[in-house]
mmCIF file of all heavy atoms, coordinates in Angstrom:
data_MODEL
# 
_entry.id   MODEL 
# 
loop_
_atom_site.group_PDB 
_atom_site.id 
_atom_site.type_symbol 
_atom_site.label_atom_id 
_atom_site.label_alt_id 
_atom_site.label_comp_id 
_atom_site.label_asym_id 
_atom_site.label_entity_id 
_atom_site.label_seq_id 
_atom_site.pdbx_PDB_ins_code 
_atom_site.Cartn_x 
_atom_site.Cartn_y 
_atom_site.Cartn_z 
_atom_site.occupancy 
_atom_site.B_iso_or_equiv 
_atom_site.pdbx_formal_charge 
_atom_site.auth_seq_id 
_atom_site.auth_comp_id 
_atom_site.auth_asym_id 
_atom_site.auth_atom_id 
_atom_site.pdbx_PDB_model_num 
ATOM 1   N N   . LYS A 1 1  ? -12.081 37.585 -91.403 1.00 0.00 ? 1  LYS A N   1 
ATOM 2   C CA  . LYS A 1 1  ? -12.492 38.930 -91.902 1.00 0.00 ? 1  LYS A CA  1 
ATOM 3   C C   . LYS A 1 1  ? -13.197 39.763 -90.841 1.00 0.00 ? 1  LYS A C   1 
ATOM 4   O O   . LYS A 1 1  ? -12.988 40.947 -90.760 1.00 0.00 ? 1  LYS A O   1 
ATOM 5   C CB  . LYS A 1 1  ? -13.329 38.718 -93.187 1.00 0.00 ? 1  LYS A CB  1 
ATOM 6   C CG  . LYS A 1 1  ? -12.629 38.132 -94.310 1.00 0.00 ? 1  LYS A CG  1 
ATOM 7   C CD  . LYS A 1 1  ? -13.560 37.871 -95.592 1.00 0.00 ? 1  LYS A CD  1 
ATOM 8   C CE  . LYS A 1 1  ? -12.867 37.361 -96.695 1.00 0.00 ? 1  LYS A CE  1 
ATOM 9   N NZ  . LYS A 1 1  ? -13.796 37.052 -97.918 1.00 0.00 ? 1  LYS A NZ  1 
ATOM 10  N N   . ARG A 1 2  ? -14.164 39.165 -90.093 1.00 0.00 ? 2  ARG A N   1 
ATOM 11  C CA  . ARG A 1 2  ? -14.894 39.825 -89.084 1.00 0.00 ? 2  ARG A CA  1 
ATOM 12  C C   . ARG A 1 2  ? -13.944 40.271 -87.963 1.00 0.00 ? 2  ARG A C   1 
ATOM 13  O O   . ARG A 1 2  ? -14.105 41.467 -87.499 1.00 0.00 ? 2  ARG A O   1 
ATOM 14  C CB  . ARG A 1 2  ? -16.003 38.961 -88.583 1.00 0.00 ? 2  ARG A CB  1 
ATOM 15  C CG  . ARG A 1 2  ? -17.092 38.672 -89.622 1.00 0.00 ? 2  ARG A CG  1 
ATOM 16  C CD  . ARG A 1 2  ? -18.041 37.548 -89.154 1.00 0.00 ? 2  ARG A CD  1 
ATOM 17  N NE  . ARG A 1 2  ? -18.712 37.821 -87.867 1.00 0.00 ? 2  ARG A NE  1 
ATOM 18  C CZ  . ARG A 1 2  ? -19.179 36.951 -87.142 1.00 0.00 ? 2  ARG A CZ  1 
ATOM 19  N NH1 . ARG A 1 2  ? -19.079 35.643 -87.411 1.00 0.00 ? 2  ARG A NH1 1 
ATOM 20  N NH2 . ARG A 1 2  ? -19.786 37.207 -86.032 1.00 0.00 ? 2  ARG A NH2 1 
ATOM 21  N N   . LEU A 1 3  ? -13.006 39.507 -87.683 1.00 0.00 ? 3  LEU A N   1 
ATOM 22  C CA  . LEU A 1 3  ? -12.036 39.854 -86.610 1.00 0.00 ? 3  LEU A CA  1 
ATOM 23  C C   . LEU A 1 3  ? -11.156 41.051 -87.039 1.00 0.00 ? 3  LEU A C   1 
ATOM 24  O O   . LEU A 1 3  ? -10.989 41.990 -86.308 1.00 0.00 ? 3  LEU A O   1 
ATOM 25  C CB  . LEU A 1 3  ? -11.125 38.730 -86.249 1.00 0.00 ? 3  LEU A CB  1 
ATOM 26  C CG  . LEU A 1 3  ? -11.662 37.653 -85.210 1.00 0.00 ? 3  LEU A CG  1 
ATOM 27  C CD1 . LEU A 1 3  ? -10.756 36.425 -85.248 1.00 0.00 ? 3  LEU A CD1 1 
ATOM 28  C CD2 . LEU A 1 3  ? -11.619 38.294 -83.868 1.00 0.00 ? 3  LEU A CD2 1 
ATOM 29  N N   . ALA A 1 4  ? -10.815 41.059 -88.243 1.00 0.00 ? 4  ALA A N   1 
ATOM 30  C CA  . ALA A 1 4  ? -10.015 42.135 -88.892 1.00 0.00 ? 4  ALA A CA  1 
ATOM 31  C C   . ALA A 1 4  ? -10.790 43.400 -88.827 1.00 0.00 ? 4  ALA A C   1 
ATOM 32  O O   . ALA A 1 4  ? -10.263 44.520 -88.495 1.00 0.00 ? 4  ALA A O   1 
ATOM 33  C CB  . ALA A 1 4  ? -9.505  41.794 -90.290 1.00 0.00 ? 4  ALA A CB  1 
ATOM 34  N N   . GLU A 1 5  ? -12.081 43.359 -89.154 1.00 0.00 ? 5  GLU A N   1 
ATOM 35  C CA  . GLU A 1 5  ? -12.892 44.522 -89.101 1.00 0.00 ? 5  GLU A CA  1 
ATOM 36  C C   . GLU A 1 5  ? -13.034 45.006 -87.649 1.00 0.00 ? 5  GLU A C   1 
ATOM 37  O O   . GLU A 1 5  ? -12.990 46.340 -87.433 1.00 0.00 ? 5  GLU A O   1 
ATOM 38  C CB  . GLU A 1 5  ? -14.322 44.186 -89.590 1.00 0.00 ? 5  GLU A CB  1 
ATOM 39  C CG  . GLU A 1 5  ? -14.447 44.000 -91.125 1.00 0.00 ? 5  GLU A CG  1 
ATOM 40  C CD  . GLU A 1 5  ? -15.763 43.571 -91.512 1.00 0.00 ? 5  GLU A CD  1 
ATOM 41  O OE1 . GLU A 1 5  ? -16.716 43.600 -90.711 1.00 0.00 ? 5  GLU A OE1 1 
ATOM 42  O OE2 . GLU A 1 5  ? -15.913 43.211 -92.686 1.00 0.00 ? 5  GLU A OE2 1 
ATOM 43  N N   . LEU A 1 6  ? -13.237 44.145 -86.636 1.00 0.00 ? 6  LEU A N   1 
ATOM 44  C CA  . LEU A 1 6  ? -13.325 44.582 -85.294 1.00 0.00 ? 6  LEU A CA  1 
ATOM 45  C C   . LEU A 1 6  ? -12.022 45.216 -84.787 1.00 0.00 ? 6  LEU A C   1 
ATOM 46  O O   . LEU A 1 6  ? -12.076 46.326 -84.123 1.00 0.00 ? 6  LEU A O   1 
ATOM 47  C CB  . LEU A 1 6  ? -13.649 43.372 -84.336 1.00 0.00 ? 6  LEU A CB  1 
ATOM 48  C CG  . LEU A 1 6  ? -15.127 43.018 -84.426 1.00 0.00 ? 6  LEU A CG  1 
ATOM 49  C CD1 . LEU A 1 6  ? -15.161 41.672 -83.660 1.00 0.00 ? 6  LEU A CD1 1 
ATOM 50  C CD2 . LEU A 1 6  ? -15.978 43.995 -83.805 1.00 0.00 ? 6  LEU A CD2 1 
ATOM 51  N N   . LEU A 1 7  ? -10.894 44.675 -85.130 1.00 0.00 ? 7  LEU A N   1 
ATOM 52  C CA  . LEU A 1 7  ? -9.647  45.129 -84.747 1.00 0.00 ? 7  LEU A CA  1 
ATOM 53  C C   . LEU A 1 7  ? -9.111  46.273 -85.592 1.00 0.00 ? 7  LEU A C   1 
ATOM 54  O O   . LEU A 1 7  ? -7.960  46.774 -85.339 1.00 0.00 ? 7  LEU A O   1 
ATOM 55  C CB  . LEU A 1 7  ? -8.648  43.974 -84.721 1.00 0.00 ? 7  LEU A CB  1 
ATOM 56  C CG  . LEU A 1 7  ? -8.958  42.825 -83.870 1.00 0.00 ? 7  LEU A CG  1 
ATOM 57  C CD1 . LEU A 1 7  ? -8.043  41.656 -84.022 1.00 0.00 ? 7  LEU A CD1 1 
ATOM 58  C CD2 . LEU A 1 7  ? -8.914  43.245 -82.329 1.00 0.00 ? 7  LEU A CD2 1 
ATOM 59  N N   . LYS A 1 8  ? -9.776  46.609 -86.619 1.00 0.00 ? 8  LYS A N   1 
ATOM 60  C CA  . LYS A 1 8  ? -9.417  47.768 -87.553 1.00 0.00 ? 8  LYS A CA  1 
ATOM 61  C C   . LYS A 1 8  ? -7.974  47.517 -88.186 1.00 0.00 ? 8  LYS A C   1 
ATOM 62  O O   . LYS A 1 8  ? -7.162  48.377 -88.213 1.00 0.00 ? 8  LYS A O   1 
ATOM 63  C CB  . LYS A 1 8  ? -9.424  49.056 -86.728 1.00 0.00 ? 8  LYS A CB  1 
ATOM 64  C CG  . LYS A 1 8  ? -10.842 49.475 -86.270 1.00 0.00 ? 8  LYS A CG  1 
ATOM 65  C CD  . LYS A 1 8  ? -10.781 50.803 -85.579 1.00 0.00 ? 8  LYS A CD  1 
ATOM 66  C CE  . LYS A 1 8  ? -12.184 51.285 -85.319 1.00 0.00 ? 8  LYS A CE  1 
ATOM 67  N NZ  . LYS A 1 8  ? -13.028 50.355 -84.508 1.00 0.00 ? 8  LYS A NZ  1 
ATOM 68  N N   . ILE A 1 9  ? -7.868  46.344 -88.715 1.00 0.00 ? 9  ILE A N   1 
ATOM 69  C CA  . ILE A 1 9  ? -6.624  45.952 -89.473 1.00 0.00 ? 9  ILE A CA  1 
ATOM 70  C C   . ILE A 1 9  ? -7.044  45.258 -90.734 1.00 0.00 ? 9  ILE A C   1 
ATOM 71  O O   . ILE A 1 9  ? -8.162  44.889 -90.884 1.00 0.00 ? 9  ILE A O   1 
ATOM 72  C CB  . ILE A 1 9  ? -5.710  45.073 -88.583 1.00 0.00 ? 9  ILE A CB  1 
ATOM 73  C CG1 . ILE A 1 9  ? -6.430  43.726 -88.229 1.00 0.00 ? 9  ILE A CG1 1 
ATOM 74  C CG2 . ILE A 1 9  ? -5.150  45.744 -87.281 1.00 0.00 ? 9  ILE A CG2 1 
ATOM 75  C CD1 . ILE A 1 9  ? -5.511  42.738 -87.608 1.00 0.00 ? 9  ILE A CD1 1 
ATOM 76  N N   . SER A 1 10 ? -6.088  45.086 -91.526 1.00 0.00 ? 10 SER A N   1 
ATOM 77  C CA  . SER A 1 10 ? -6.218  44.278 -92.791 1.00 0.00 ? 10 SER A CA  1 
ATOM 78  C C   . SER A 1 10 ? -6.361  42.818 -92.467 1.00 0.00 ? 10 SER A C   1 
ATOM 79  O O   . SER A 1 10 ? -5.486  42.321 -91.689 1.00 0.00 ? 10 SER A O   1 
ATOM 80  C CB  . SER A 1 10 ? -5.135  44.636 -93.824 1.00 0.00 ? 10 SER A CB  1 
ATOM 81  O OG  . SER A 1 10 ? -5.164  43.664 -94.865 1.00 0.00 ? 10 SER A OG  1 
ATOM 82  N N   . PRO A 1 11 ? -7.234  42.102 -93.195 1.00 0.00 ? 11 PRO A N   1 
ATOM 83  C CA  . PRO A 1 11 ? -7.212  40.672 -93.030 1.00 0.00 ? 11 PRO A CA  1 
ATOM 84  C C   . PRO A 1 11 ? -5.832  40.034 -93.345 1.00 0.00 ? 11 PRO A C   1 
ATOM 85  O O   . PRO A 1 11 ? -5.499  39.049 -92.746 1.00 0.00 ? 11 PRO A O   1 
ATOM 86  C CB  . PRO A 1 11 ? -8.361  40.190 -93.999 1.00 0.00 ? 11 PRO A CB  1 
ATOM 87  C CG  . PRO A 1 11 ? -9.272  41.324 -94.058 1.00 0.00 ? 11 PRO A CG  1 
ATOM 88  C CD  . PRO A 1 11 ? -8.368  42.556 -93.994 1.00 0.00 ? 11 PRO A CD  1 
ATOM 89  N N   . LEU A 1 12 ? -5.194  40.629 -94.341 1.00 0.00 ? 12 LEU A N   1 
ATOM 90  C CA  . LEU A 1 12 ? -3.885  40.119 -94.624 1.00 0.00 ? 12 LEU A CA  1 
ATOM 91  C C   . LEU A 1 12 ? -2.830  40.269 -93.497 1.00 0.00 ? 12 LEU A C   1 
ATOM 92  O O   . LEU A 1 12 ? -1.977  39.390 -93.264 1.00 0.00 ? 12 LEU A O   1 
ATOM 93  C CB  . LEU A 1 12 ? -3.278  40.852 -95.889 1.00 0.00 ? 12 LEU A CB  1 
ATOM 94  C CG  . LEU A 1 12 ? -4.031  40.737 -97.126 1.00 0.00 ? 12 LEU A CG  1 
ATOM 95  C CD1 . LEU A 1 12 ? -3.466  41.532 -98.258 1.00 0.00 ? 12 LEU A CD1 1 
ATOM 96  C CD2 . LEU A 1 12 ? -4.166  39.339 -97.577 1.00 0.00 ? 12 LEU A CD2 1 
ATOM 97  N N   . SER A 1 13 ? -2.971  41.295 -92.661 1.00 0.00 ? 13 SER A N   1 
ATOM 98  C CA  . SER A 1 13 ? -2.118  41.406 -91.559 1.00 0.00 ? 13 SER A CA  1 
ATOM 99  C C   . SER A 1 13 ? -2.357  40.277 -90.493 1.00 0.00 ? 13 SER A C   1 
ATOM 100 O O   . SER A 1 13 ? -1.461  39.710 -89.984 1.00 0.00 ? 13 SER A O   1 
ATOM 101 C CB  . SER A 1 13 ? -2.415  42.788 -90.824 1.00 0.00 ? 13 SER A CB  1 
ATOM 102 O OG  . SER A 1 13 ? -1.985  43.883 -91.617 1.00 0.00 ? 13 SER A OG  1 
ATOM 103 N N   . LEU A 1 14 ? -3.653  39.920 -90.282 1.00 0.00 ? 14 LEU A N   1 
ATOM 104 C CA  . LEU A 1 14 ? -4.036  38.860 -89.453 1.00 0.00 ? 14 LEU A CA  1 
ATOM 105 C C   . LEU A 1 14 ? -3.553  37.514 -89.965 1.00 0.00 ? 14 LEU A C   1 
ATOM 106 O O   . LEU A 1 14 ? -3.187  36.574 -89.176 1.00 0.00 ? 14 LEU A O   1 
ATOM 107 C CB  . LEU A 1 14 ? -5.497  38.853 -89.149 1.00 0.00 ? 14 LEU A CB  1 
ATOM 108 C CG  . LEU A 1 14 ? -6.017  38.192 -87.872 1.00 0.00 ? 14 LEU A CG  1 
ATOM 109 C CD1 . LEU A 1 14 ? -5.297  38.718 -86.617 1.00 0.00 ? 14 LEU A CD1 1 
ATOM 110 C CD2 . LEU A 1 14 ? -7.545  38.424 -87.768 1.00 0.00 ? 14 LEU A CD2 1 
ATOM 111 N N   . LEU A 1 15 ? -3.447  37.359 -91.250 1.00 0.00 ? 15 LEU A N   1 
ATOM 112 C CA  . LEU A 1 15 ? -2.985  36.149 -91.872 1.00 0.00 ? 15 LEU A CA  1 
ATOM 113 C C   . LEU A 1 15 ? -1.411  36.103 -91.981 1.00 0.00 ? 15 LEU A C   1 
ATOM 114 O O   . LEU A 1 15 ? -0.893  35.152 -92.444 1.00 0.00 ? 15 LEU A O   1 
ATOM 115 C CB  . LEU A 1 15 ? -3.471  36.047 -93.319 1.00 0.00 ? 15 LEU A CB  1 
ATOM 116 C CG  . LEU A 1 15 ? -5.051  35.646 -93.389 1.00 0.00 ? 15 LEU A CG  1 
ATOM 117 C CD1 . LEU A 1 15 ? -5.523  35.939 -94.816 1.00 0.00 ? 15 LEU A CD1 1 
ATOM 118 C CD2 . LEU A 1 15 ? -5.358  34.323 -92.958 1.00 0.00 ? 15 LEU A CD2 1 
ATOM 119 N N   . GLY A 1 16 ? -0.768  37.158 -91.497 1.00 0.00 ? 16 GLY A N   1 
ATOM 120 C CA  . GLY A 1 16 ? 0.671   37.237 -91.490 1.00 0.00 ? 16 GLY A CA  1 
ATOM 121 C C   . GLY A 1 16 ? 1.245   37.538 -92.919 1.00 0.00 ? 16 GLY A C   1 
ATOM 122 O O   . GLY A 1 16 ? 2.390   37.185 -93.158 1.00 0.00 ? 16 GLY A O   1 
ATOM 123 N N   . ILE A 1 17 ? 0.527   38.198 -93.736 1.00 0.00 ? 17 ILE A N   1 
ATOM 124 C CA  . ILE A 1 17 ? 0.993   38.524 -95.026 1.00 0.00 ? 17 ILE A CA  1 
ATOM 125 C C   . ILE A 1 17 ? 1.296   40.021 -95.106 1.00 0.00 ? 17 ILE A C   1 
ATOM 126 O O   . ILE A 1 17 ? 0.293   40.830 -94.739 1.00 0.00 ? 17 ILE A O   1 
ATOM 127 C CB  . ILE A 1 17 ? -0.087  38.140 -96.121 1.00 0.00 ? 17 ILE A CB  1 
ATOM 128 C CG1 . ILE A 1 17 ? -0.272  36.652 -96.027 1.00 0.00 ? 17 ILE A CG1 1 
ATOM 129 C CG2 . ILE A 1 17 ? 0.422   38.549 -97.495 1.00 0.00 ? 17 ILE A CG2 1 
ATOM 130 C CD1 . ILE A 1 17 ? -1.494  36.196 -96.955 1.00 0.00 ? 17 ILE A CD1 1 
ATOM 131 N N   . GLY A 1 18 ? 2.394   40.405 -95.403 1.00 0.00 ? 18 GLY A N   1 
ATOM 132 C CA  . GLY A 1 18 ? 2.776   41.856 -95.475 1.00 0.00 ? 18 GLY A CA  1 
ATOM 133 C C   . GLY A 1 18 ? 3.437   42.334 -94.157 1.00 0.00 ? 18 GLY A C   1 
ATOM 134 O O   . GLY A 1 18 ? 3.937   41.560 -93.481 1.00 0.00 ? 18 GLY A O   1 
ATOM 135 N N   . VAL A 1 19 ? 3.225   43.628 -93.948 1.00 0.00 ? 19 VAL A N   1 
ATOM 136 C CA  . VAL A 1 19 ? 3.822   44.249 -92.834 1.00 0.00 ? 19 VAL A CA  1 
ATOM 137 C C   . VAL A 1 19 ? 2.857   44.287 -91.630 1.00 0.00 ? 19 VAL A C   1 
ATOM 138 O O   . VAL A 1 19 ? 1.735   44.702 -91.838 1.00 0.00 ? 19 VAL A O   1 
ATOM 139 C CB  . VAL A 1 19 ? 4.364   45.666 -93.231 1.00 0.00 ? 19 VAL A CB  1 
ATOM 140 C CG1 . VAL A 1 19 ? 5.045   46.336 -91.956 1.00 0.00 ? 19 VAL A CG1 1 
ATOM 141 C CG2 . VAL A 1 19 ? 5.301   45.572 -94.391 1.00 0.00 ? 19 VAL A CG2 1 
ATOM 142 N N   . GLU A 1 20 ? 3.362   44.151 -90.424 1.00 0.00 ? 20 GLU A N   1 
ATOM 143 C CA  . GLU A 1 20 ? 2.540   44.332 -89.236 1.00 0.00 ? 20 GLU A CA  1 
ATOM 144 C C   . GLU A 1 20 ? 2.872   45.631 -88.679 1.00 0.00 ? 20 GLU A C   1 
ATOM 145 O O   . GLU A 1 20 ? 3.990   45.991 -88.498 1.00 0.00 ? 20 GLU A O   1 
ATOM 146 C CB  . GLU A 1 20 ? 2.902   43.225 -88.239 1.00 0.00 ? 20 GLU A CB  1 
ATOM 147 C CG  . GLU A 1 20 ? 2.674   41.790 -88.795 1.00 0.00 ? 20 GLU A CG  1 
ATOM 148 C CD  . GLU A 1 20 ? 3.226   40.818 -87.707 1.00 0.00 ? 20 GLU A CD  1 
ATOM 149 O OE1 . GLU A 1 20 ? 2.978   40.950 -86.470 1.00 0.00 ? 20 GLU A OE1 1 
ATOM 150 O OE2 . GLU A 1 20 ? 3.853   39.856 -88.087 1.00 0.00 ? 20 GLU A OE2 1 
ATOM 151 N N   . TYR A 1 21 ? 1.878   46.440 -88.269 1.00 0.00 ? 21 TYR A N   1 
ATOM 152 C CA  . TYR A 1 21 ? 2.115   47.622 -87.631 1.00 0.00 ? 21 TYR A CA  1 
ATOM 153 C C   . TYR A 1 21 ? 1.360   47.724 -86.272 1.00 0.00 ? 21 TYR A C   1 
ATOM 154 O O   . TYR A 1 21 ? 0.230   47.134 -86.129 1.00 0.00 ? 21 TYR A O   1 
ATOM 155 C CB  . TYR A 1 21 ? 1.390   48.789 -88.425 1.00 0.00 ? 21 TYR A CB  1 
ATOM 156 C CG  . TYR A 1 21 ? 2.007   48.956 -89.832 1.00 0.00 ? 21 TYR A CG  1 
ATOM 157 C CD1 . TYR A 1 21 ? 1.410   48.451 -90.977 1.00 0.00 ? 21 TYR A CD1 1 
ATOM 158 C CD2 . TYR A 1 21 ? 3.277   49.639 -89.973 1.00 0.00 ? 21 TYR A CD2 1 
ATOM 159 C CE1 . TYR A 1 21 ? 2.003   48.607 -92.217 1.00 0.00 ? 21 TYR A CE1 1 
ATOM 160 C CE2 . TYR A 1 21 ? 3.784   49.830 -91.156 1.00 0.00 ? 21 TYR A CE2 1 
ATOM 161 C CZ  . TYR A 1 21 ? 3.208   49.278 -92.303 1.00 0.00 ? 21 TYR A CZ  1 
ATOM 162 O OH  . TYR A 1 21 ? 3.758   49.426 -93.589 1.00 0.00 ? 21 TYR A OH  1 
ATOM 163 N N   . TYR A 1 22 ? 2.063   48.296 -85.277 1.00 0.00 ? 22 TYR A N   1 
ATOM 164 C CA  . TYR A 1 22 ? 1.540   48.393 -83.970 1.00 0.00 ? 22 TYR A CA  1 
ATOM 165 C C   . TYR A 1 22 ? 1.825   49.876 -83.393 1.00 0.00 ? 22 TYR A C   1 
ATOM 166 O O   . TYR A 1 22 ? 2.812   50.382 -83.505 1.00 0.00 ? 22 TYR A O   1 
ATOM 167 C CB  . TYR A 1 22 ? 2.245   47.402 -82.985 1.00 0.00 ? 22 TYR A CB  1 
ATOM 168 C CG  . TYR A 1 22 ? 2.100   46.003 -83.427 1.00 0.00 ? 22 TYR A CG  1 
ATOM 169 C CD1 . TYR A 1 22 ? 2.961   45.373 -84.153 1.00 0.00 ? 22 TYR A CD1 1 
ATOM 170 C CD2 . TYR A 1 22 ? 0.909   45.269 -82.932 1.00 0.00 ? 22 TYR A CD2 1 
ATOM 171 C CE1 . TYR A 1 22 ? 2.760   44.074 -84.534 1.00 0.00 ? 22 TYR A CE1 1 
ATOM 172 C CE2 . TYR A 1 22 ? 0.760   43.958 -83.391 1.00 0.00 ? 22 TYR A CE2 1 
ATOM 173 C CZ  . TYR A 1 22 ? 1.631   43.322 -84.112 1.00 0.00 ? 22 TYR A CZ  1 
ATOM 174 O OH  . TYR A 1 22 ? 1.479   42.047 -84.483 1.00 0.00 ? 22 TYR A OH  1 
ATOM 175 N N   . ASN A 1 23 ? 0.711   50.509 -82.939 1.00 0.00 ? 23 ASN A N   1 
ATOM 176 C CA  . ASN A 1 23 ? 0.814   51.862 -82.502 1.00 0.00 ? 23 ASN A CA  1 
ATOM 177 C C   . ASN A 1 23 ? 0.662   51.997 -80.957 1.00 0.00 ? 23 ASN A C   1 
ATOM 178 O O   . ASN A 1 23 ? 0.547   53.010 -80.374 1.00 0.00 ? 23 ASN A O   1 
ATOM 179 C CB  . ASN A 1 23 ? -0.138  52.866 -83.066 1.00 0.00 ? 23 ASN A CB  1 
ATOM 180 C CG  . ASN A 1 23 ? -1.599  52.396 -82.984 1.00 0.00 ? 23 ASN A CG  1 
ATOM 181 O OD1 . ASN A 1 23 ? -1.908  51.747 -82.085 1.00 0.00 ? 23 ASN A OD1 1 
ATOM 182 N ND2 . ASN A 1 23 ? -2.384  52.928 -83.858 1.00 0.00 ? 23 ASN A ND2 1 
ATOM 183 N N   . ARG A 1 24 ? 0.716   50.705 -80.230 1.00 0.00 ? 24 ARG A N   1 
ATOM 184 C CA  . ARG A 1 24 ? 0.727   50.729 -78.835 1.00 0.00 ? 24 ARG A CA  1 
ATOM 185 C C   . ARG A 1 24 ? 1.815   49.785 -78.371 1.00 0.00 ? 24 ARG A C   1 
ATOM 186 O O   . ARG A 1 24 ? 1.997   48.675 -78.975 1.00 0.00 ? 24 ARG A O   1 
ATOM 187 C CB  . ARG A 1 24 ? -0.580  50.335 -78.211 1.00 0.00 ? 24 ARG A CB  1 
ATOM 188 C CG  . ARG A 1 24 ? -1.686  51.249 -78.644 1.00 0.00 ? 24 ARG A CG  1 
ATOM 189 C CD  . ARG A 1 24 ? -3.068  50.708 -78.150 1.00 0.00 ? 24 ARG A CD  1 
ATOM 190 N NE  . ARG A 1 24 ? -3.207  50.952 -76.669 1.00 0.00 ? 24 ARG A NE  1 
ATOM 191 C CZ  . ARG A 1 24 ? -4.060  50.277 -75.913 1.00 0.00 ? 24 ARG A CZ  1 
ATOM 192 N NH1 . ARG A 1 24 ? -4.828  49.381 -76.418 1.00 0.00 ? 24 ARG A NH1 1 
ATOM 193 N NH2 . ARG A 1 24 ? -4.177  50.550 -74.674 1.00 0.00 ? 24 ARG A NH2 1 
# 
């Protein structure tokens, strides 16, 4: 959860649930 906050993404994205988005 803390990593997701730092990286400005959803914790679900970091868990591999749902869609991954990359803008770089």
